[in-house]
């Protein structure tokens, strides 16, 4: 009777894979068979497509209809295959010329009335379509902004199935909404109306301010310990404002994760600002790391990719949630194995932990009412292996009246600190150019102890702490990374012994 094929895109995590959508019409009892490892949403496409075709004014072919989604070994999830199935079926039935589908990729869900609805993951799907050599991609009009972020590919948006058929036939259709580009103002709505958080608003806490500056300069993790009202949350919230803007590649990575999570589905957003996530302490492992019964959705750690993940009241998070962060902190990605397959999400983050010193949260140690057992129990909530992965650990004291009421004119604003951070990052990127690393926190320990090995006179204090067991092997490497960041902040070509000593103080909470 007829055969036609076109292409759609499958998403596994944020990676897109081309899918060949084939429709074969044969004589026999009326039936529709979908093959190629479809999930329930994909299998139900036959009913959605049938209703959409009929309500768009086209006849439904009689006989046996076989819909193949290849490669057959790749799991297919979601409703984004509806458009491709519909146009392939219409082409197989002679209502479209099969050659008219060459070079096209179709992504979108069909409503029963023939309307085309937005879907998740359009941005990574269009990126993958471009890599696969597609010249034209059709997406729902609701996804037009995020689809337009991908350069060097022609994106066509449609509101209804009838519009798409007219387009493929070369017939005139209603005027489209214009596509937006990243440079246009409404492509970055996240930036509009954002509240500017300035480091100058933090009263006192010179140590805390210095700690977040070093963290920003080298992309280091931070843990802040102190009584309520000490400014831990304020410091964490101002860390993203010290980070350099994302380059185009990194910004697209961030937008791709948000697209898969469904946060770009309607009206799409694009921003070069590092993301910031601050989940509540009641969040589950799935909410933080990612989860789902078939293929897992991204969690907060992936939504914070290239930005900051802040866990306030870290000691109140469940132990399993915190310990689940250990692998992402080391690898920069989350690997989630589920019944539907293995999903990998990027998770290159800066972790910021904030915690009270004890359960009673006394402002001064002398006022603490916690007994030794209660204190030990509270502090054990943050496991040693997790804290061993945190470069900077600071003990913040309560804000004094003089610091709270002091003249604020001398306090450096975020813009001033961000300029030093940008200069330090530029110096680090130039030093590690050609290696694939851009920040000091990413440098492997073998490099720090090999090609870039510092003299024994410079690292003597850290080596002594390693001998005494105050530092683990991982902790020693992290002290060296901190030392390079401190050297970059003061404009030096290499760390001095004073930088290593300062790094030790930041790591082991030895600041007075």
Foldseek 3Di string as FASTA:
>chain_A
DFKAWAWAWADFQLAIDIKIKMKDFDADAFDEAEAQQEDPLVRCLVVLLQLLCVLLPHDQDGHYMYIYIPPSVAHHDDQQCNLRNNVRRCCRVPLAPRVLRPLEYETFHAGSNFFTAFDFQLLSRLVNSVVVPRQEYEGALQLQASSQADPRHHYHHDTGSNQVSCVSVVHDDPDHDDGDYCVDDLQACVVPPDDDQKPLVQFDPPVLLVVLLLCQLFVFAEEEEAFPPLCQVSSQVCSQLLHDFADSVQQSLLQSLCRNLVNQRGSGHTGRGQDEAEDALADDLCQAQWQDAARTRGHPLLNRQRHEYEYEQLLSHALVNLVQCLVCLVPQWHWDQHPNGIHIGGRSYHYYYYHYQFDVRDLDPVPDPDDPVRNVVSVCSNPPSSLLRGQFYAYGHHRDPCRVPDDSPVPDISVVSSVLSVQLQVLQQVVCPPVPDRGLSPDDLCCCCPVVDDDCQQCVVLVVCCVVVVHPPSNSSSLSSSQSSVCSSVPHPHGGSVSSVVSVCRSNNVDD
